[in-house]
Amino acid sequence: GRLEEKLLQISKPKLLIIDELGYLPLEPAAAHLFFQLVSRR
């Protein structure tokens, strides 16, 4: 439940700035969460 709440919370702003994402490799689970966030926006 908390994950869904957090995704909703960070999906609401009109502008979401994602900086320095490509400097470190993402684990598969983190990449999946990032994709969920981007697809919601």
N, C-alpha and C. Protein backbone atom coordinates (compact mmCIF):
# COMPACT_ATOMS: atom_id res chain seq x y z
N GLY A 1 0.79 -1.21 0.00
CA GLY A 1 0.00 0.00 0.00
C GLY A 1 0.83 1.26 0.00
N ARG A 2 1.95 1.25 0.67
CA ARG A 2 2.77 2.47 0.75
C ARG A 2 3.41 2.80 -0.58
N LEU A 3 3.78 1.77 -1.34
CA LEU A 3 4.38 2.01 -2.65
C LEU A 3 3.38 2.72 -3.56
N GLU A 4 2.15 2.23 -3.56
CA GLU A 4 1.11 2.83 -4.40
C GLU A 4 0.87 4.29 -3.98
N GLU A 5 0.85 4.55 -2.68
CA GLU A 5 0.68 5.93 -2.18
C GLU A 5 1.82 6.82 -2.66
N LYS A 6 3.03 6.32 -2.57
CA LYS A 6 4.20 7.11 -2.97
C LYS A 6 4.19 7.38 -4.47
N LEU A 7 3.85 6.37 -5.27
CA LEU A 7 3.77 6.57 -6.72
C LEU A 7 2.71 7.61 -7.06
N LEU A 8 1.57 7.56 -6.38
CA LEU A 8 0.53 8.57 -6.62
C LEU A 8 1.03 9.96 -6.22
N GLN A 9 1.73 10.04 -5.11
CA GLN A 9 2.23 11.32 -4.62
C GLN A 9 3.22 11.96 -5.60
N ILE A 10 4.14 11.18 -6.14
CA ILE A 10 5.13 11.78 -7.04
C ILE A 10 4.65 11.83 -8.48
N SER A 11 3.47 11.29 -8.75
CA SER A 11 2.88 11.39 -10.08
C SER A 11 2.07 12.67 -10.27
N LYS A 12 1.70 13.32 -9.17
CA LYS A 12 0.78 14.46 -9.24
C LYS A 12 1.39 15.77 -9.75
N PRO A 13 2.62 16.12 -9.39
CA PRO A 13 3.13 17.43 -9.84
C PRO A 13 3.13 17.54 -11.37
N LYS A 14 2.93 18.76 -11.85
CA LYS A 14 2.92 18.98 -13.29
C LYS A 14 4.31 18.82 -13.89
N LEU A 15 5.34 19.04 -13.08
CA LEU A 15 6.71 18.95 -13.56
C LEU A 15 7.49 18.05 -12.61
N LEU A 16 8.13 17.05 -13.17
CA LEU A 16 8.98 16.15 -12.39
C LEU A 16 10.36 16.16 -13.04
N ILE A 17 11.33 16.63 -12.30
CA ILE A 17 12.70 16.70 -12.82
C ILE A 17 13.47 15.49 -12.31
N ILE A 18 14.01 14.74 -13.25
CA ILE A 18 14.81 13.57 -12.91
C ILE A 18 16.23 13.86 -13.38
N ASP A 19 17.13 13.96 -12.43
CA ASP A 19 18.49 14.38 -12.74
C ASP A 19 19.47 13.27 -12.34
N GLU A 20 20.51 13.14 -13.11
CA GLU A 20 21.61 12.22 -12.82
C GLU A 20 21.17 10.77 -12.73
N LEU A 21 20.22 10.38 -13.54
CA LEU A 21 19.73 9.01 -13.50
C LEU A 21 20.69 8.04 -14.17
N GLY A 22 21.38 8.48 -15.19
CA GLY A 22 22.22 7.58 -15.95
C GLY A 22 23.61 7.34 -15.39
N TYR A 23 23.94 7.93 -14.26
CA TYR A 23 25.29 7.77 -13.71
C TYR A 23 25.51 6.42 -13.04
N LEU A 24 24.45 5.84 -12.48
CA LEU A 24 24.58 4.56 -11.81
C LEU A 24 23.63 3.55 -12.45
N PRO A 25 24.06 2.30 -12.54
CA PRO A 25 23.15 1.29 -13.11
C PRO A 25 21.96 1.05 -12.17
N LEU A 26 20.81 0.79 -12.76
CA LEU A 26 19.62 0.49 -11.98
C LEU A 26 19.43 -1.02 -11.87
N GLU A 27 19.06 -1.47 -10.69
CA GLU A 27 18.69 -2.86 -10.51
C GLU A 27 17.36 -3.08 -11.23
N PRO A 28 17.07 -4.30 -11.62
CA PRO A 28 15.82 -4.56 -12.34
C PRO A 28 14.57 -4.06 -11.61
N ALA A 29 14.51 -4.23 -10.30
CA ALA A 29 13.34 -3.78 -9.54
C ALA A 29 13.22 -2.25 -9.58
N ALA A 30 14.35 -1.56 -9.46
CA ALA A 30 14.34 -0.09 -9.52
C ALA A 30 13.97 0.39 -10.91
N ALA A 31 14.45 -0.29 -11.93
CA ALA A 31 14.10 0.09 -13.30
C ALA A 31 12.61 -0.09 -13.54
N HIS A 32 12.03 -1.15 -12.98
CA HIS A 32 10.60 -1.38 -13.11
C HIS A 32 9.80 -0.27 -12.43
N LEU A 33 10.21 0.12 -11.23
CA LEU A 33 9.53 1.21 -10.52
C LEU A 33 9.64 2.52 -11.29
N PHE A 34 10.79 2.78 -11.86
CA PHE A 34 10.97 4.00 -12.64
C PHE A 34 10.07 3.98 -13.86
N PHE A 35 9.96 2.85 -14.52
CA PHE A 35 9.07 2.73 -15.68
C PHE A 35 7.62 2.96 -15.27
N GLN A 36 7.21 2.42 -14.12
CA GLN A 36 5.85 2.65 -13.63
C GLN A 36 5.59 4.14 -13.43
N LEU A 37 6.55 4.83 -12.84
CA LEU A 37 6.39 6.27 -12.61
C LEU A 37 6.26 7.03 -13.93
N VAL A 38 7.14 6.74 -14.87
CA VAL A 38 7.10 7.44 -16.15
C VAL A 38 5.81 7.12 -16.92
N SER A 39 5.39 5.88 -16.89
CA SER A 39 4.16 5.52 -17.62
C SER A 39 2.93 6.17 -17.00
N ARG A 40 2.91 6.40 -15.70
CA ARG A 40 1.78 7.09 -15.07
C ARG A 40 1.72 8.55 -15.47
N ARG A 41 2.85 9.15 -15.67
CA ARG A 41 2.89 10.56 -16.02
C ARG A 41 2.51 10.74 -17.46
